[in-house]
């Protein structure tokens, strides 16, 4: 149960972080009237045109700067094994079949045990 709760919590954190711009937009449109009346830079103009969009732009640029500050892990990959073809030298094999025993010996002792293995079990 605890593992499932931890997995759901991690999933929600990742989902929230990856959709942060959507949350900024949602919060802006939910509080647009308040932002336009109290926070907007152009709130003292006689004919307000931006209606809080200046605040939204500011929040989006802050979010973009946060994303730029995050480390790009793809650029920090480390090659664990690296070699060049110039390091390889061709190998000449000098072994012959005389150095190795035959692969199958017809008079091997392994066939001597076959009758002992393949017979009905003896009752005790």
PDB file of N, CA and C in Angstrom:
ATOM      1  N   UNK A   1       0.820  -1.188   0.000  1.00  0.00           N
ATOM      2  CA  UNK A   1       0.000   0.000   0.000  1.00  0.00           C
ATOM      3  C   UNK A   1       0.871   1.261   0.000  1.00  0.00           C
ATOM      4  N   UNK A   2       1.952   1.221   0.774  1.00  0.00           N
ATOM      5  CA  UNK A   2       2.840   2.377   0.866  1.00  0.00           C
ATOM      6  C   UNK A   2       3.576   2.605  -0.450  1.00  0.00           C
ATOM      7  N   UNK A   3       3.949   1.515  -1.111  1.00  0.00           N
ATOM      8  CA  UNK A   3       4.625   1.646  -2.408  1.00  0.00           C
ATOM      9  C   UNK A   3       3.691   2.272  -3.439  1.00  0.00           C
ATOM     10  N   UNK A   4       2.442   1.862  -3.420  1.00  0.00           N
ATOM     11  CA  UNK A   4       1.464   2.406  -4.363  1.00  0.00           C
ATOM     12  C   UNK A   4       1.238   3.895  -4.109  1.00  0.00           C
ATOM     13  N   UNK A   5       1.166   4.267  -2.837  1.00  0.00           N
ATOM     14  CA  UNK A   5       0.983   5.673  -2.483  1.00  0.00           C
ATOM     15  C   UNK A   5       2.195   6.502  -2.911  1.00  0.00           C
ATOM     16  N   UNK A   6       3.393   5.967  -2.699  1.00  0.00           N
ATOM     17  CA  UNK A   6       4.610   6.678  -3.111  1.00  0.00           C
ATOM     18  C   UNK A   6       4.672   6.809  -4.631  1.00  0.00           C
ATOM     19  N   UNK A   7       4.267   5.767  -5.345  1.00  0.00           N
ATOM     20  CA  UNK A   7       4.278   5.817  -6.809  1.00  0.00           C
ATOM     21  C   UNK A   7       3.277   6.851  -7.327  1.00  0.00           C
ATOM     22  N   UNK A   8       2.105   6.897  -6.729  1.00  0.00           N
ATOM     23  CA  UNK A   8       1.094   7.877  -7.145  1.00  0.00           C
ATOM     24  C   UNK A   8       1.573   9.291  -6.836  1.00  0.00           C
ATOM     25  N   UNK A   9       2.212   9.476  -5.691  1.00  0.00           N
ATOM     26  CA  UNK A   9       2.735  10.790  -5.327  1.00  0.00           C
ATOM     27  C   UNK A   9       3.820  11.243  -6.307  1.00  0.00           C
ATOM     28  N   UNK A  10       4.725  10.344  -6.652  1.00  0.00           N
ATOM     29  CA  UNK A  10       5.776  10.687  -7.630  1.00  0.00           C
ATOM     30  C   UNK A  10       5.171  11.003  -8.993  1.00  0.00           C
ATOM     31  N   UNK A  11       4.172  10.247  -9.392  1.00  0.00           N
ATOM     32  CA  UNK A  11       3.506  10.492 -10.668  1.00  0.00           C
ATOM     33  C   UNK A  11       2.829  11.864 -10.681  1.00  0.00           C
ATOM     34  N   UNK A  12       2.180  12.216  -9.588  1.00  0.00           N
ATOM     35  CA  UNK A  12       1.532  13.526  -9.511  1.00  0.00           C
ATOM     36  C   UNK A  12       2.548  14.664  -9.531  1.00  0.00           C
ATOM     37  N   UNK A  13       3.684  14.483  -8.873  1.00  0.00           N
ATOM     38  CA  UNK A  13       4.723  15.520  -8.878  1.00  0.00           C
ATOM     39  C   UNK A  13       5.273  15.711 -10.279  1.00  0.00           C
ATOM     40  N   UNK A  14       5.550  14.617 -10.967  1.00  0.00           N
ATOM     41  CA  UNK A  14       6.068  14.709 -12.338  1.00  0.00           C
ATOM     42  C   UNK A  14       5.025  15.337 -13.256  1.00  0.00           C
ATOM     43  N   UNK A  15       3.778  14.935 -13.107  1.00  0.00           N
ATOM     44  CA  UNK A  15       2.705  15.492 -13.930  1.00  0.00           C
ATOM     45  C   UNK A  15       2.524  16.983 -13.659  1.00  0.00           C
ATOM     46  N   UNK A  16       2.580  17.376 -12.405  1.00  0.00           N
ATOM     47  CA  UNK A  16       2.430  18.792 -12.059  1.00  0.00           C
ATOM     48  C   UNK A  16       3.583  19.623 -12.613  1.00  0.00           C
ATOM     49  N   UNK A  17       4.800  19.088 -12.527  1.00  0.00           N
ATOM     50  CA  UNK A  17       5.956  19.831 -13.020  1.00  0.00           C
ATOM     51  C   UNK A  17       5.924  19.969 -14.543  1.00  0.00           C
ATOM     52  N   UNK A  18       5.541  18.917 -15.228  1.00  0.00           N
ATOM     53  CA  UNK A  18       5.557  18.970 -16.690  1.00  0.00           C
ATOM     54  C   UNK A  18       4.421  19.809 -17.265  1.00  0.00           C
ATOM     55  N   UNK A  19       3.381  20.035 -16.497  1.00  0.00           N
ATOM     56  CA  UNK A  19       2.255  20.843 -16.977  1.00  0.00           C
ATOM     57  C   UNK A  19       2.169  22.171 -16.232  1.00  0.00           C
ATOM     58  N   UNK A  20       3.305  22.713 -15.817  1.00  0.00           N
ATOM     59  CA  UNK A  20       3.294  23.936 -15.004  1.00  0.00           C
ATOM     60  C   UNK A  20       2.741  25.130 -15.773  1.00  0.00           C
ATOM     61  N   UNK A  21       2.989  25.199 -17.064  1.00  0.00           N
ATOM     62  CA  UNK A  21       2.453  26.322 -17.852  1.00  0.00           C
ATOM     63  C   UNK A  21       0.926  26.273 -17.919  1.00  0.00           C
ATOM     64  N   UNK A  22       0.388  25.089 -17.989  1.00  0.00           N
ATOM     65  CA  UNK A  22      -1.077  24.967 -17.991  1.00  0.00           C
ATOM     66  C   UNK A  22      -1.661  25.439 -16.663  1.00  0.00           C
ATOM     67  N   UNK A  23      -0.969  25.143 -15.552  1.00  0.00           N
ATOM     68  CA  UNK A  23      -1.444  25.588 -14.245  1.00  0.00           C
ATOM     69  C   UNK A  23      -1.360  27.105 -14.122  1.00  0.00           C
ATOM     70  N   UNK A  24      -0.319  27.694 -14.699  1.00  0.00           N
ATOM     71  CA  UNK A  24      -0.203  29.156 -14.673  1.00  0.00           C
ATOM     72  C   UNK A  24      -1.355  29.782 -15.454  1.00  0.00           C
ATOM     73  N   UNK A  25      -1.648  29.225 -16.633  1.00  0.00           N
ATOM     74  CA  UNK A  25      -2.773  29.739 -17.432  1.00  0.00           C
ATOM     75  C   UNK A  25      -4.103  29.572 -16.706  1.00  0.00           C
ATOM     76  N   UNK A  26      -4.304  28.414 -16.090  1.00  0.00           N
ATOM     77  CA  UNK A  26      -5.560  28.174 -15.378  1.00  0.00           C
ATOM     78  C   UNK A  26      -5.719  29.140 -14.209  1.00  0.00           C
ATOM     79  N   UNK A  27      -4.639  29.347 -13.455  1.00  0.00           N
ATOM     80  CA  UNK A  27      -4.710  30.286 -12.328  1.00  0.00           C
ATOM     81  C   UNK A  27      -4.945  31.709 -12.819  1.00  0.00           C
ATOM     82  N   UNK A  28      -4.352  32.058 -13.964  1.00  0.00           N
ATOM     83  CA  UNK A  28      -4.561  33.405 -14.507  1.00  0.00           C
ATOM     84  C   UNK A  28      -6.016  33.616 -14.899  1.00  0.00           C
ATOM     85  N   UNK A  29      -6.595  32.671 -15.634  1.00  0.00           N
ATOM     86  CA  UNK A  29      -7.977  32.868 -16.080  1.00  0.00           C
ATOM     87  C   UNK A  29      -8.972  32.789 -14.921  1.00  0.00           C
ATOM     88  N   UNK A  30      -8.648  32.031 -13.873  1.00  0.00           N
ATOM     89  CA  UNK A  30      -9.547  31.986 -12.717  1.00  0.00           C
ATOM     90  C   UNK A  30      -9.491  33.292 -11.924  1.00  0.00           C
ATOM     91  N   UNK A  31      -8.335  33.950 -11.890  1.00  0.00           N
ATOM     92  CA  UNK A  31      -8.165  35.178 -11.102  1.00  0.00           C
ATOM     93  C   UNK A  31      -7.958  36.403 -11.975  1.00  0.00           C
ATOM     94  N   UNK A  32      -8.437  36.374 -13.186  1.00  0.00           N
ATOM     95  CA  UNK A  32      -8.157  37.455 -14.129  1.00  0.00           C
ATOM     96  C   UNK A  32      -8.713  38.797 -13.657  1.00  0.00           C
ATOM     97  N   UNK A  33      -9.891  38.802 -13.099  1.00  0.00           N
ATOM     98  CA  UNK A  33     -10.497  40.057 -12.636  1.00  0.00           C
ATOM     99  C   UNK A  33      -9.660  40.672 -11.516  1.00  0.00           C
ATOM    100  N   UNK A  34      -9.252  39.856 -10.557  1.00  0.00           N
ATOM    101  CA  UNK A  34      -8.430  40.353  -9.451  1.00  0.00           C
ATOM    102  C   UNK A  34      -7.074  40.848  -9.955  1.00  0.00           C
ATOM    103  N   UNK A  35      -6.457  40.098 -10.864  1.00  0.00           N
ATOM    104  CA  UNK A  35      -5.151  40.488 -11.414  1.00  0.00           C
ATOM    105  C   UNK A  35      -5.270  41.805 -12.167  1.00  0.00           C
ATOM    106  N   UNK A  36      -6.330  41.967 -12.958  1.00  0.00           N
ATOM    107  CA  UNK A  36      -6.512  43.193 -13.744  1.00  0.00           C
ATOM    108  C   UNK A  36      -6.735  44.411 -12.843  1.00  0.00           C
ATOM    109  N   UNK A  37      -7.416  44.226 -11.710  1.00  0.00           N
ATOM    110  CA  UNK A  37      -7.724  45.357 -10.831  1.00  0.00           C
ATOM    111  C   UNK A  37      -6.601  45.686  -9.847  1.00  0.00           C
ATOM    112  N   UNK A  38      -5.823  44.682  -9.418  1.00  0.00           N
ATOM    113  CA  UNK A  38      -4.873  44.915  -8.329  1.00  0.00           C
ATOM    114  C   UNK A  38      -3.401  44.706  -8.690  1.00  0.00           C
ATOM    115  N   UNK A  39      -3.088  43.828  -9.607  1.00  0.00           N
ATOM    116  CA  UNK A  39      -1.693  43.469  -9.866  1.00  0.00           C
ATOM    117  C   UNK A  39      -1.183  44.024 -11.186  1.00  0.00           C
ATOM    118  N   UNK A  40      -2.036  44.219 -12.140  1.00  0.00           N
ATOM    119  CA  UNK A  40      -1.637  44.637 -13.487  1.00  0.00           C
ATOM    120  C   UNK A  40      -0.858  45.947 -13.453  1.00  0.00           C
ATOM    121  N   UNK A  41       0.183  46.025 -14.271  1.00  0.00           N
ATOM    122  CA  UNK A  41       1.010  47.230 -14.356  1.00  0.00           C
ATOM    123  C   UNK A  41       0.209  48.385 -14.942  1.00  0.00           C
ATOM    124  N   UNK A  42      -0.672  48.090 -15.861  1.00  0.00           N
ATOM    125  CA  UNK A  42      -1.454  49.126 -16.547  1.00  0.00           C
ATOM    126  C   UNK A  42      -2.825  49.340 -15.901  1.00  0.00           C
ATOM    127  N   UNK A  43      -2.995  49.029 -14.635  1.00  0.00           N
ATOM    128  CA  UNK A  43      -4.311  49.131 -13.991  1.00  0.00           C
ATOM    129  C   UNK A  43      -4.769  50.577 -13.785  1.00  0.00           C
ATOM    130  N   UNK A  44      -3.839  51.518 -13.825  1.00  0.00           N
ATOM    131  CA  UNK A  44      -4.209  52.922 -13.614  1.00  0.00           C
ATOM    132  C   UNK A  44      -4.524  53.654 -14.920  1.00  0.00           C
ATOM    133  N   UNK A  45      -4.439  52.972 -16.042  1.00  0.00           N
ATOM    134  CA  UNK A  45      -4.797  53.603 -17.314  1.00  0.00           C
ATOM    135  C   UNK A  45      -6.304  53.851 -17.359  1.00  0.00           C
ATOM    136  N   UNK A  46      -6.690  54.897 -18.088  1.00  0.00           N
ATOM    137  CA  UNK A  46      -8.117  55.212 -18.195  1.00  0.00           C
ATOM    138  C   UNK A  46      -8.869  54.128 -18.950  1.00  0.00           C
ATOM    139  N   UNK A  47      -8.260  53.625 -20.008  1.00  0.00           N
ATOM    140  CA  UNK A  47      -8.872  52.547 -20.778  1.00  0.00           C
ATOM    141  C   UNK A  47      -7.921  51.344 -20.703  1.00  0.00           C
ATOM    142  N   UNK A  48      -8.165  50.434 -19.773  1.00  0.00           N
ATOM    143  CA  UNK A  48      -7.258  49.290 -19.634  1.00  0.00           C
ATOM    144  C   UNK A  48      -7.397  48.344 -20.824  1.00  0.00           C
ATOM    145  N   UNK A  49      -6.293  48.080 -21.439  1.00  0.00           N
ATOM    146  CA  UNK A  49      -6.304  47.232 -22.627  1.00  0.00           C
ATOM    147  C   UNK A  49      -5.800  45.824 -22.301  1.00  0.00           C
ATOM    148  N   UNK A  50      -4.795  45.740 -21.457  1.00  0.00           N
ATOM    149  CA  UNK A  50      -4.142  44.433 -21.292  1.00  0.00           C
ATOM    150  C   UNK A  50      -4.926  43.488 -20.383  1.00  0.00           C
ATOM    151  N   UNK A  51      -5.669  44.013 -19.403  1.00  0.00           N
ATOM    152  CA  UNK A  51      -6.490  43.208 -18.486  1.00  0.00           C
ATOM    153  C   UNK A  51      -5.697  42.057 -17.857  1.00  0.00           C
ATOM    154  N   UNK A  52      -4.456  42.347 -17.445  1.00  0.00           N
ATOM    155  CA  UNK A  52      -3.649  41.366 -16.717  1.00  0.00           C
ATOM    156  C   UNK A  52      -2.737  40.515 -17.564  1.00  0.00           C
ATOM    157  N   UNK A  53      -2.755  40.706 -18.876  1.00  0.00           N
ATOM    158  CA  UNK A  53      -1.898  39.893 -19.747  1.00  0.00           C
ATOM    159  C   UNK A  53      -0.423  40.191 -19.487  1.00  0.00           C
ATOM    160  N   UNK A  54      -0.116  41.417 -19.041  1.00  0.00           N
ATOM    161  CA  UNK A  54       1.277  41.742 -18.700  1.00  0.00           C
ATOM    162  C   UNK A  54       1.754  40.859 -17.542  1.00  0.00           C
ATOM    163  N   UNK A  55       0.880  40.603 -16.574  1.00  0.00           N
ATOM    164  CA  UNK A  55       1.220  39.722 -15.459  1.00  0.00           C
ATOM    165  C   UNK A  55       1.407  38.287 -15.944  1.00  0.00           C
ATOM    166  N   UNK A  56       0.551  37.854 -16.863  1.00  0.00           N
ATOM    167  CA  UNK A  56       0.680  36.511 -17.421  1.00  0.00           C
ATOM    168  C   UNK A  56       2.000  36.360 -18.175  1.00  0.00           C
ATOM    169  N   UNK A  57       2.362  37.363 -18.966  1.00  0.00           N
ATOM    170  CA  UNK A  57       3.640  37.308 -19.682  1.00  0.00           C
ATOM    171  C   UNK A  57       4.812  37.223 -18.709  1.00  0.00           C
ATOM    172  N   UNK A  58       4.732  37.979 -17.641  1.00  0.00           N
ATOM    173  CA  UNK A  58       5.802  37.961 -16.636  1.00  0.00           C
ATOM    174  C   UNK A  58       5.926  36.578 -15.993  1.00  0.00           C
ATOM    175  N   UNK A  59       4.792  35.972 -15.666  1.00  0.00           N
ATOM    176  CA  UNK A  59       4.815  34.641 -15.059  1.00  0.00           C
ATOM    177  C   UNK A  59       5.345  33.589 -16.034  1.00  0.00           C
ATOM    178  N   UNK A  60       4.966  33.709 -17.297  1.00  0.00           N
ATOM    179  CA  UNK A  60       5.445  32.746 -18.298  1.00  0.00           C
ATOM    180  C   UNK A  60       6.951  32.881 -18.525  1.00  0.00           C
ATOM    181  N   UNK A  61       7.467  34.105 -18.537  1.00  0.00           N
ATOM    182  CA  UNK A  61       8.917  34.275 -18.711  1.00  0.00           C
ATOM    183  C   UNK A  61       9.671  33.749 -17.498  1.00  0.00           C
ATOM    184  N   UNK A  62       9.124  33.915 -16.299  1.00  0.00           N
ATOM    185  CA  UNK A  62       9.759  33.336 -15.106  1.00  0.00           C
ATOM    186  C   UNK A  62       9.806  31.815 -15.203  1.00  0.00           C
ATOM    187  N   UNK A  63       8.720  31.233 -15.680  1.00  0.00           N
ATOM    188  CA  UNK A  63       8.672  29.772 -15.818  1.00  0.00           C
ATOM    189  C   UNK A  63       9.661  29.292 -16.877  1.00  0.00           C
ATOM    190  N   UNK A  64       9.773  30.036 -17.965  1.00  0.00           N
ATOM    191  CA  UNK A  64      10.732  29.668 -19.013  1.00  0.00           C
ATOM    192  C   UNK A  64      12.163  29.754 -18.489  1.00  0.00           C
ATOM    193  N   UNK A  65      12.445  30.751 -17.651  1.00  0.00           N
ATOM    194  CA  UNK A  65      13.781  30.867 -17.065  1.00  0.00           C
ATOM    195  C   UNK A  65      14.064  29.717 -16.109  1.00  0.00           C
ATOM    196  N   UNK A  66      13.059  29.281 -15.370  1.00  0.00           N
ATOM    197  CA  UNK A  66      13.237  28.125 -14.486  1.00  0.00           C
ATOM    198  C   UNK A  66      13.560  26.873 -15.292  1.00  0.00           C
ATOM    199  N   UNK A  67      12.874  26.692 -16.410  1.00  0.00           N
ATOM    200  CA  UNK A  67      13.124  25.520 -17.240  1.00  0.00           C
ATOM    201  C   UNK A  67      14.505  25.569 -17.878  1.00  0.00           C
ATOM    202  N   UNK A  68      14.989  26.762 -18.199  1.00  0.00           N
ATOM    203  CA  UNK A  68      16.325  26.885 -18.766  1.00  0.00           C
ATOM    204  C   UNK A  68      17.395  26.580 -17.731  1.00  0.00           C
ATOM    205  N   UNK A  69      17.117  26.841 -16.462  1.00  0.00           N
ATOM    206  CA  UNK A  69      18.090  26.591 -15.413  1.00  0.00           C
ATOM    207  C   UNK A  69      18.207  25.113 -15.075  1.00  0.00           C
ATOM    208  N   UNK A  70      17.224  24.322 -15.422  1.00  0.00           N
ATOM    209  CA  UNK A  70      17.291  22.894 -15.139  1.00  0.00           C
ATOM    210  C   UNK A  70      18.424  22.268 -15.934  1.00  0.00           C
ATOM    211  N   UNK A  71      19.147  21.332 -15.342  1.00  0.00           N
ATOM    212  CA  UNK A  71      20.260  20.715 -16.074  1.00  0.00           C
ATOM    213  C   UNK A  71      19.738  19.817 -17.189  1.00  0.00           C
ATOM    214  N   UNK A  72      20.422  19.868 -18.292  1.00  0.00           N
ATOM    215  CA  UNK A  72      20.071  19.010 -19.418  1.00  0.00           C
ATOM    216  C   UNK A  72      20.881  17.729 -19.284  1.00  0.00           C
ATOM    217  N   UNK A  73      20.227  16.680 -18.842  1.00  0.00           N
ATOM    218  CA  UNK A  73      20.938  15.444 -18.541  1.00  0.00           C
ATOM    219  C   UNK A  73      21.455  14.749 -19.788  1.00  0.00           C
ATOM    220  N   UNK A  74      20.873  15.044 -20.924  1.00  0.00           N
ATOM    221  CA  UNK A  74      21.330  14.397 -22.146  1.00  0.00           C
ATOM    222  C   UNK A  74      22.721  14.882 -22.544  1.00  0.00           C
ATOM    223  N   UNK A  75      23.075  16.096 -22.153  1.00  0.00           N
ATOM    224  CA  UNK A  75      24.391  16.614 -22.493  1.00  0.00           C
ATOM    225  C   UNK A  75      25.463  16.091 -21.555  1.00  0.00           C
ATOM    226  N   UNK A  76      25.092  15.535 -20.426  1.00  0.00           N
ATOM    227  CA  UNK A  76      26.062  15.080 -19.451  1.00  0.00           C
ATOM    228  C   UNK A  76      26.250  13.567 -19.477  1.00  0.00           C
ATOM    229  N   UNK A  77      25.927  12.920 -20.559  1.00  0.00           N
ATOM    230  CA  UNK A  77      26.124  11.486 -20.652  1.00  0.00           C
ATOM    231  C   UNK A  77      27.608  11.174 -20.679  1.00  0.00           C
ATOM    232  N   UNK A  78      27.961  10.098 -20.015  1.00  0.00           N
ATOM    233  CA  UNK A  78      29.356   9.691 -19.943  1.00  0.00           C
ATOM    234  C   UNK A  78      29.498   8.383 -20.703  1.00  0.00           C
ATOM    235  N   UNK A  79      30.454   8.333 -21.585  1.00  0.00           N
ATOM    236  CA  UNK A  79      30.715   7.117 -22.336  1.00  0.00           C
ATOM    237  C   UNK A  79      31.528   6.181 -21.459  1.00  0.00           C
ATOM    238  N   UNK A  80      31.003   5.001 -21.198  1.00  0.00           N
ATOM    239  CA  UNK A  80      31.689   4.070 -20.318  1.00  0.00           C
ATOM    240  C   UNK A  80      32.815   3.329 -21.026  1.00  0.00           C
ATOM    241  N   UNK A  81      32.700   3.134 -22.319  1.00  0.00           N
ATOM    242  CA  UNK A  81      33.727   2.407 -23.047  1.00  0.00           C
ATOM    243  C   UNK A  81      33.920   3.093 -24.381  1.00  0.00           C
ATOM    244  N   UNK A  82      35.124   3.462 -24.648  1.00  0.00           N
ATOM    245  CA  UNK A  82      35.413   4.140 -25.897  1.00  0.00           C
ATOM    246  C   UNK A  82      36.718   3.595 -26.450  1.00  0.00           C
ATOM    247  N   UNK A  83      36.717   3.238 -27.687  1.00  0.00           N
ATOM    248  CA  UNK A  83      37.933   2.752 -28.329  1.00  0.00           C
ATOM    249  C   UNK A  83      37.908   3.179 -29.784  1.00  0.00           C
ATOM    250  N   UNK A  84      39.053   3.214 -30.368  1.00  0.00           N
ATOM    251  CA  UNK A  84      39.138   3.560 -31.780  1.00  0.00           C
ATOM    252  C   UNK A  84      39.570   2.340 -32.561  1.00  0.00           C
ATOM    253  N   UNK A  85      39.282   2.352 -33.828  1.00  0.00           N
ATOM    254  CA  UNK A  85      39.666   1.214 -34.657  1.00  0.00           C
ATOM    255  C   UNK A  85      41.176   1.144 -34.863  1.00  0.00           C
ATOM    256  N   UNK A  86      41.869   2.238 -34.637  1.00  0.00           N
ATOM    257  CA  UNK A  86      43.323   2.232 -34.807  1.00  0.00           C
ATOM    258  C   UNK A  86      43.996   1.388 -33.725  1.00  0.00           C
ATOM    259  N   UNK A  87      43.318   1.197 -32.582  1.00  0.00           N
ATOM    260  CA  UNK A  87      43.895   0.395 -31.506  1.00  0.00           C
ATOM    261  C   UNK A  87      43.842  -1.099 -31.797  1.00  0.00           C
ATOM    262  N   UNK A  88      42.970  -1.500 -32.678  1.00  0.00           N
ATOM    263  CA  UNK A  88      42.811  -2.920 -32.968  1.00  0.00           C
ATOM    264  C   UNK A  88      43.858  -3.366 -33.982  1.00  0.00           C
ATOM    265  N   UNK A  89      44.444  -4.497 -33.707  1.00  0.00           N
ATOM    266  CA  UNK A  89      45.399  -5.084 -34.642  1.00  0.00           C
ATOM    267  C   UNK A  89      44.820  -6.404 -35.128  1.00  0.00           C
ATOM    268  N   UNK A  90      45.012  -6.717 -36.389  1.00  0.00           N
ATOM    269  CA  UNK A  90      44.483  -7.995 -36.877  1.00  0.00           C
ATOM    270  C   UNK A  90      45.217  -9.159 -36.223  1.00  0.00           C
ATOM    271  N   UNK A  91      44.451 -10.179 -35.874  1.00  0.00           N
ATOM    272  CA  UNK A  91      45.041 -11.360 -35.237  1.00  0.00           C
ATOM    273  C   UNK A  91      45.137 -12.478 -36.259  1.00  0.00           C
ATOM    274  N   UNK A  92      46.243 -13.137 -36.270  1.00  0.00           N
ATOM    275  CA  UNK A  92      46.444 -14.277 -37.162  1.00  0.00           C
ATOM    276  C   UNK A  92      46.407 -15.525 -36.303  1.00  0.00           C
ATOM    277  N   UNK A  93      45.442 -16.377 -36.574  1.00  0.00           N
ATOM    278  CA  UNK A  93      45.299 -17.603 -35.805  1.00  0.00           C
ATOM    279  C   UNK A  93      46.211 -18.670 -36.394  1.00  0.00           C
ATOM    280  N   UNK A  94      47.052 -19.222 -35.534  1.00  0.00           N
ATOM    281  CA  UNK A  94      48.004 -20.234 -36.005  1.00  0.00           C
ATOM    282  C   UNK A  94      47.642 -21.617 -35.514  1.00  0.00           C
ATOM    283  N   UNK A  95      46.485 -21.777 -34.912  1.00  0.00           N
ATOM    284  CA  UNK A  95      46.108 -23.089 -34.395  1.00  0.00           C
ATOM    285  C   UNK A  95      45.579 -23.961 -35.517  1.00  0.00           C
ATOM    286  N   UNK A  96      45.765 -25.216 -35.362  1.00  0.00           N
ATOM    287  CA  UNK A  96      45.242 -26.195 -36.315  1.00  0.00           C
ATOM    288  C   UNK A  96      44.400 -27.195 -35.559  1.00  0.00           C
ATOM    289  N   UNK A  97      43.776 -28.079 -36.269  1.00  0.00           N
ATOM    290  CA  UNK A  97      42.934 -29.084 -35.627  1.00  0.00           C
ATOM    291  C   UNK A  97      43.762 -30.125 -34.894  1.00  0.00           C
ATOM    292  N   UNK A  98      45.044 -30.156 -35.087  1.00  0.00           N
ATOM    293  CA  UNK A  98      45.893 -31.117 -34.389  1.00  0.00           C
ATOM    294  C   UNK A  98      46.023 -30.764 -32.915  1.00  0.00           C
ATOM    295  N   UNK A  99      45.801 -29.530 -32.562  1.00  0.00           N
ATOM    296  CA  UNK A  99      45.951 -29.097 -31.175  1.00  0.00           C
ATOM    297  C   UNK A  99      44.753 -29.464 -30.303  1.00  0.00           C
ATOM    298  N   UNK A 100      43.622 -29.775 -30.907  1.00  0.00           N
ATOM    299  CA  UNK A 100      42.408 -30.046 -30.157  1.00  0.00           C
ATOM    300  C   UNK A 100      42.028 -31.514 -30.283  1.00  0.00           C
ATOM    301  N   UNK A 101      41.458 -32.099 -29.229  1.00  0.00           N
ATOM    302  CA  UNK A 101      40.979 -33.485 -29.339  1.00  0.00           C
ATOM    303  C   UNK A 101      39.739 -33.530 -30.216  1.00  0.00           C
ATOM    304  N   UNK A 102      39.377 -34.673 -30.733  1.00  0.00           N
ATOM    305  CA  UNK A 102      38.178 -34.767 -31.575  1.00  0.00           C
ATOM    306  C   UNK A 102      36.925 -34.433 -30.766  1.00  0.00           C
ATOM    307  N   UNK A 103      35.947 -33.867 -31.442  1.00  0.00           N
ATOM    308  CA  UNK A 103      34.724 -33.431 -30.781  1.00  0.00           C
ATOM    309  C   UNK A 103      33.905 -34.605 -30.274  1.00  0.00           C
ATOM    310  N   UNK A 104      33.894 -35.728 -30.971  1.00  0.00           N
ATOM    311  CA  UNK A 104      33.099 -36.879 -30.560  1.00  0.00           C
ATOM    312  C   UNK A 104      33.963 -38.123 -30.657  1.00  0.00           C
ATOM    313  N   UNK A 105      34.030 -38.816 -29.568  1.00  0.00           N
ATOM    314  CA  UNK A 105      34.799 -40.056 -29.535  1.00  0.00           C
ATOM    315  C   UNK A 105      33.809 -41.206 -29.494  1.00  0.00           C
ATOM    316  N   UNK A 106      33.841 -42.067 -30.467  1.00  0.00           N
ATOM    317  CA  UNK A 106      32.861 -43.154 -30.539  1.00  0.00           C
ATOM    318  C   UNK A 106      33.052 -44.163 -29.419  1.00  0.00           C
ATOM    319  N   UNK A 107      34.207 -44.266 -28.853  1.00  0.00           N
ATOM    320  CA  UNK A 107      34.434 -45.214 -27.771  1.00  0.00           C
ATOM    321  C   UNK A 107      34.452 -44.549 -26.413  1.00  0.00           C
ATOM    322  N   UNK A 108      33.649 -43.515 -26.240  1.00  0.00           N
ATOM    323  CA  UNK A 108      33.675 -42.787 -24.971  1.00  0.00           C
ATOM    324  C   UNK A 108      32.968 -43.575 -23.882  1.00  0.00           C
ATOM    325  N   UNK A 109      33.256 -43.241 -22.669  1.00  0.00           N
ATOM    326  CA  UNK A 109      32.665 -43.937 -21.531  1.00  0.00           C
ATOM    327  C   UNK A 109      31.256 -43.459 -21.239  1.00  0.00           C
ATOM    328  N   UNK A 110      30.818 -42.370 -21.860  1.00  0.00           N
ATOM    329  CA  UNK A 110      29.476 -41.855 -21.608  1.00  0.00           C
ATOM    330  C   UNK A 110      28.415 -42.823 -22.109  1.00  0.00           C
ATOM    331  N   UNK A 111      28.673 -43.523 -23.190  1.00  0.00           N
ATOM    332  CA  UNK A 111      27.680 -44.467 -23.719  1.00  0.00           C
ATOM    333  C   UNK A 111      27.629 -45.736 -22.892  1.00  0.00           C
ATOM    334  N   UNK A 112      28.607 -46.003 -22.062  1.00  0.00           N
ATOM    335  CA  UNK A 112      28.602 -47.212 -21.246  1.00  0.00           C
ATOM    336  C   UNK A 112      27.556 -47.139 -20.147  1.00  0.00           C
ATOM    337  N   UNK A 113      27.118 -45.949 -19.733  1.00  0.00           N
ATOM    338  CA  UNK A 113      26.152 -45.799 -18.644  1.00  0.00           C
ATOM    339  C   UNK A 113      24.709 -45.744 -19.129  1.00  0.00           C
ATOM    340  N   UNK A 114      24.468 -45.723 -20.414  1.00  0.00           N
ATOM    341  CA  UNK A 114      23.104 -45.608 -20.922  1.00  0.00           C
ATOM    342  C   UNK A 114      22.200 -46.752 -20.480  1.00  0.00           C
ATOM    343  N   UNK A 115      22.630 -48.013 -20.501  1.00  0.00           N
ATOM    344  CA  UNK A 115      21.715 -49.070 -20.047  1.00  0.00           C
ATOM    345  C   UNK A 115      21.337 -48.933 -18.575  1.00  0.00           C
ATOM    346  N   UNK A 116      22.203 -48.364 -17.757  1.00  0.00           N
ATOM    347  CA  UNK A 116      21.878 -48.212 -16.339  1.00  0.00           C
ATOM    348  C   UNK A 116      20.841 -47.116 -16.102  1.00  0.00           C
ATOM    349  N   UNK A 117      20.807 -46.122 -16.974  1.00  0.00           N
ATOM    350  CA  UNK A 117      19.886 -45.011 -16.777  1.00  0.00           C
ATOM    351  C   UNK A 117      18.508 -45.339 -17.320  1.00  0.00           C
ATOM    352  N   UNK A 118      18.420 -45.899 -18.506  1.00  0.00           N
ATOM    353  CA  UNK A 118      17.143 -46.136 -19.169  1.00  0.00           C
ATOM    354  C   UNK A 118      16.635 -47.549 -18.887  1.00  0.00           C
ATOM    355  N   UNK A 119      16.137 -47.769 -17.712  1.00  0.00           N
ATOM    356  CA  UNK A 119      15.481 -49.029 -17.368  1.00  0.00           C
ATOM    357  C   UNK A 119      14.396 -48.736 -16.337  1.00  0.00           C
ATOM    358  N   UNK A 120      13.417 -49.630 -16.184  1.00  0.00           N
ATOM    359  CA  UNK A 120      12.341 -49.379 -15.228  1.00  0.00           C
ATOM    360  C   UNK A 120      12.895 -49.304 -13.803  1.00  0.00           C
ATOM    361  N   UNK A 121      12.261 -48.520 -12.935  1.00  0.00           N
ATOM    362  CA  UNK A 121      12.743 -48.419 -11.562  1.00  0.00           C
ATOM    363  C   UNK A 121      12.620 -49.749 -10.822  1.00  0.00           C
ATOM    364  N   UNK A 122      13.574 -49.979  -9.972  1.00  0.00           N
ATOM    365  CA  UNK A 122      13.593 -51.215  -9.186  1.00  0.00           C
ATOM    366  C   UNK A 122      12.844 -50.956  -7.889  1.00  0.00           C
ATOM    367  N   UNK A 123      11.888 -51.818  -7.565  1.00  0.00           N
ATOM    368  CA  UNK A 123      11.105 -51.650  -6.341  1.00  0.00           C
ATOM    369  C   UNK A 123      11.954 -51.910  -5.109  1.00  0.00           C
ATOM    370  N   UNK A 124      11.773 -51.139  -4.093  1.00  0.00           N
ATOM    371  CA  UNK A 124      12.595 -51.285  -2.891  1.00  0.00           C
ATOM    372  C   UNK A 124      11.959 -52.176  -1.875  1.00  0.00           C
TER     373      UNK A 124
END
